Amino acid sequence: MIDIEAFKKIALSFPGSTEMPHFEKSSFRFNKKIFATLDIPNHRTCIKLSQIDQSVFCSIDKTMIYPVSNKWGKQGWTIVELQKIKKPLLKEALIKAYIEVSTNKKTAK
């Protein structure tokens, strides 16, 4: 299980990452582009993965990591249940999300 402060510490450890409000959630961004949002009341995060990374992570445990159930999920947006995931796996998923956003040609400028 990951607590909120541990999540924030990991998400903000990446170069250039910032925390900003995003509707009723917190978002974690690189160059204004979101790589994760944090839903504190539901103790979950939504991260931006490539479709390949999404399929790999979701194959681990579909009750812990799963695609968003609409068109956003088809674009790589993936829910992670913070009460179920272990810290090393969360960190690996957040690294992939950060890389997905930070290496995007539009974002990297």
C-alpha atoms as a PDB file:
ATOM      1  CA  MET A   1       0.000   0.000   0.000  1.00  0.00           C
ATOM      2  CA  ILE A   2       1.215   3.465  -0.894  1.00  0.00           C
ATOM      3  CA  ASP A   3       0.238   6.471   1.183  1.00  0.00           C
ATOM      4  CA  ILE A   4      -0.431   9.859  -0.417  1.00  0.00           C
ATOM      5  CA  GLU A   5       2.810  11.476   0.750  1.00  0.00           C
ATOM      6  CA  ALA A   6       4.893   8.571  -0.577  1.00  0.00           C
ATOM      7  CA  PHE A   7       3.131   8.872  -3.939  1.00  0.00           C
ATOM      8  CA  LYS A   8       3.793  12.615  -4.112  1.00  0.00           C
ATOM      9  CA  LYS A   9       7.433  12.132  -3.169  1.00  0.00           C
ATOM     10  CA  ILE A  10       7.954   9.672  -6.025  1.00  0.00           C
ATOM     11  CA  ALA A  11       6.015  11.740  -8.591  1.00  0.00           C
ATOM     12  CA  LEU A  12       7.906  14.924  -7.716  1.00  0.00           C
ATOM     13  CA  SER A  13      11.317  13.218  -7.767  1.00  0.00           C
ATOM     14  CA  PHE A  14      11.561  13.394 -11.568  1.00  0.00           C
ATOM     15  CA  PRO A  15      13.441  16.326 -13.134  1.00  0.00           C
ATOM     16  CA  GLY A  16      11.099  19.202 -13.951  1.00  0.00           C
ATOM     17  CA  SER A  17       8.011  17.591 -12.433  1.00  0.00           C
ATOM     18  CA  THR A  18       5.478  19.851 -10.727  1.00  0.00           C
ATOM     19  CA  GLU A  19       2.208  19.446  -8.857  1.00  0.00           C
ATOM     20  CA  MET A  20      -0.817  21.484  -9.935  1.00  0.00           C
ATOM     21  CA  PRO A  21      -4.585  21.306  -9.382  1.00  0.00           C
ATOM     22  CA  HIS A  22      -6.602  19.468 -12.035  1.00  0.00           C
ATOM     23  CA  PHE A  23     -10.329  19.791 -11.372  1.00  0.00           C
ATOM     24  CA  GLU A  24     -10.906  18.050  -7.997  1.00  0.00           C
ATOM     25  CA  LYS A  25      -7.575  16.178  -8.198  1.00  0.00           C
ATOM     26  CA  SER A  26      -3.881  16.939  -8.085  1.00  0.00           C
ATOM     27  CA  SER A  27      -1.896  16.535 -11.269  1.00  0.00           C
ATOM     28  CA  PHE A  28       1.769  15.870 -11.756  1.00  0.00           C
ATOM     29  CA  ARG A  29       3.258  17.405 -14.861  1.00  0.00           C
ATOM     30  CA  PHE A  30       6.319  17.865 -17.004  1.00  0.00           C
ATOM     31  CA  ASN A  31       6.316  21.040 -19.140  1.00  0.00           C
ATOM     32  CA  LYS A  32       2.613  21.504 -18.342  1.00  0.00           C
ATOM     33  CA  LYS A  33       1.728  18.018 -19.660  1.00  0.00           C
ATOM     34  CA  ILE A  34       0.131  15.601 -17.178  1.00  0.00           C
ATOM     35  CA  PHE A  35       1.811  12.270 -16.539  1.00  0.00           C
ATOM     36  CA  ALA A  36      -0.285  11.413 -13.447  1.00  0.00           C
ATOM     37  CA  THR A  37      -3.305  12.582 -11.503  1.00  0.00           C
ATOM     38  CA  LEU A  38      -3.996  11.780  -7.863  1.00  0.00           C
ATOM     39  CA  ASP A  39      -7.491  10.998  -6.610  1.00  0.00           C
ATOM     40  CA  ILE A  40      -7.014  11.240  -2.835  1.00  0.00           C
ATOM     41  CA  PRO A  41     -10.568  10.266  -1.710  1.00  0.00           C
ATOM     42  CA  ASN A  42     -10.459   7.071  -3.799  1.00  0.00           C
ATOM     43  CA  HIS A  43      -6.768   6.416  -3.057  1.00  0.00           C
ATOM     44  CA  ARG A  44      -5.831   5.930  -6.705  1.00  0.00           C
ATOM     45  CA  THR A  45      -3.803   7.524  -9.435  1.00  0.00           C
ATOM     46  CA  CYS A  46      -4.305   7.739 -13.168  1.00  0.00           C
ATOM     47  CA  ILE A  47      -1.102   7.632 -15.205  1.00  0.00           C
ATOM     48  CA  LYS A  48      -0.303   8.145 -18.893  1.00  0.00           C
ATOM     49  CA  LEU A  49       1.384   5.099 -20.413  1.00  0.00           C
ATOM     50  CA  SER A  50       2.148   4.035 -23.950  1.00  0.00           C
ATOM     51  CA  GLN A  51      -0.269   1.374 -25.159  1.00  0.00           C
ATOM     52  CA  ILE A  52       2.494  -1.236 -24.944  1.00  0.00           C
ATOM     53  CA  ASP A  53       3.434  -0.266 -21.363  1.00  0.00           C
ATOM     54  CA  GLN A  54      -0.240  -0.191 -20.442  1.00  0.00           C
ATOM     55  CA  SER A  55      -0.751  -3.754 -21.670  1.00  0.00           C
ATOM     56  CA  VAL A  56       2.339  -4.957 -19.789  1.00  0.00           C
ATOM     57  CA  PHE A  57       1.408  -3.342 -16.464  1.00  0.00           C
ATOM     58  CA  CYS A  58      -2.252  -4.341 -16.732  1.00  0.00           C
ATOM     59  CA  SER A  59      -1.267  -7.968 -17.290  1.00  0.00           C
ATOM     60  CA  ILE A  60       0.269  -8.050 -13.776  1.00  0.00           C
ATOM     61  CA  ASP A  61      -3.034  -7.725 -11.885  1.00  0.00           C
ATOM     62  CA  LYS A  62      -6.182  -6.218 -13.419  1.00  0.00           C
ATOM     63  CA  THR A  63      -7.586  -5.370  -9.978  1.00  0.00           C
ATOM     64  CA  MET A  64      -4.519  -3.234  -9.227  1.00  0.00           C
ATOM     65  CA  ILE A  65      -3.696  -1.649 -12.619  1.00  0.00           C
ATOM     66  CA  TYR A  66      -6.264  -1.288 -15.398  1.00  0.00           C
ATOM     67  CA  PRO A  67      -7.112   1.008 -18.326  1.00  0.00           C
ATOM     68  CA  VAL A  68      -9.572   3.847 -17.857  1.00  0.00           C
ATOM     69  CA  SER A  69     -12.863   2.468 -19.194  1.00  0.00           C
ATOM     70  CA  ASN A  70     -13.452   4.970 -21.986  1.00  0.00           C
ATOM     71  CA  LYS A  71     -11.599   6.547 -24.925  1.00  0.00           C
ATOM     72  CA  TRP A  72      -8.936   7.865 -22.514  1.00  0.00           C
ATOM     73  CA  GLY A  73      -8.010   4.279 -21.668  1.00  0.00           C
ATOM     74  CA  LYS A  74      -7.373   3.589 -25.349  1.00  0.00           C
ATOM     75  CA  GLN A  75      -4.925   6.503 -25.300  1.00  0.00           C
ATOM     76  CA  GLY A  76      -2.921   4.907 -22.483  1.00  0.00           C
ATOM     77  CA  TRP A  77      -4.547   6.432 -19.405  1.00  0.00           C
ATOM     78  CA  THR A  78      -4.342   3.795 -16.700  1.00  0.00           C
ATOM     79  CA  ILE A  79      -5.764   3.559 -13.162  1.00  0.00           C
ATOM     80  CA  VAL A  80      -3.494   2.366 -10.350  1.00  0.00           C
ATOM     81  CA  GLU A  81      -5.053   1.392  -7.022  1.00  0.00           C
ATOM     82  CA  LEU A  82      -2.653   2.736  -4.386  1.00  0.00           C
ATOM     83  CA  GLN A  83      -4.014   0.427  -1.678  1.00  0.00           C
ATOM     84  CA  LYS A  84      -2.989  -2.645  -3.682  1.00  0.00           C
ATOM     85  CA  ILE A  85       0.306  -1.757  -5.363  1.00  0.00           C
ATOM     86  CA  LYS A  86       3.786  -2.138  -3.897  1.00  0.00           C
ATOM     87  CA  LYS A  87       6.211   0.784  -3.995  1.00  0.00           C
ATOM     88  CA  PRO A  88       8.737  -0.675  -6.498  1.00  0.00           C
ATOM     89  CA  LEU A  89       6.006  -1.420  -9.052  1.00  0.00           C
ATOM     90  CA  LEU A  90       4.406   2.008  -8.591  1.00  0.00           C
ATOM     91  CA  LYS A  91       7.775   3.693  -9.046  1.00  0.00           C
ATOM     92  CA  GLU A  92       8.413   1.723 -12.239  1.00  0.00           C
ATOM     93  CA  ALA A  93       4.969   2.655 -13.610  1.00  0.00           C
ATOM     94  CA  LEU A  94       5.454   6.337 -12.744  1.00  0.00           C
ATOM     95  CA  ILE A  95       8.864   6.326 -14.438  1.00  0.00           C
ATOM     96  CA  LYS A  96       7.226   4.959 -17.604  1.00  0.00           C
ATOM     97  CA  ALA A  97       4.475   7.600 -17.399  1.00  0.00           C
ATOM     98  CA  TYR A  98       7.000  10.399 -16.893  1.00  0.00           C
ATOM     99  CA  ILE A  99       9.093   9.152 -19.829  1.00  0.00           C
ATOM    100  CA  GLU A 100       5.983   8.858 -22.009  1.00  0.00           C
ATOM    101  CA  VAL A 101       5.187  12.536 -21.442  1.00  0.00           C
ATOM    102  CA  SER A 102       8.698  13.988 -21.185  1.00  0.00           C
ATOM    103  CA  THR A 103       9.984  12.391 -24.390  1.00  0.00           C
ATOM    104  CA  ASN A 104       6.938  13.325 -26.440  1.00  0.00           C
ATOM    105  CA  LYS A 105       8.171  15.713 -29.169  1.00  0.00           C
ATOM    106  CA  LYS A 106       5.466  18.285 -28.398  1.00  0.00           C
ATOM    107  CA  THR A 107       6.212  18.200 -24.647  1.00  0.00           C
ATOM    108  CA  ALA A 108      10.000  18.151 -24.785  1.00  0.00           C
ATOM    109  CA  LYS A 109      10.229  21.624 -26.367  1.00  0.00           C
END
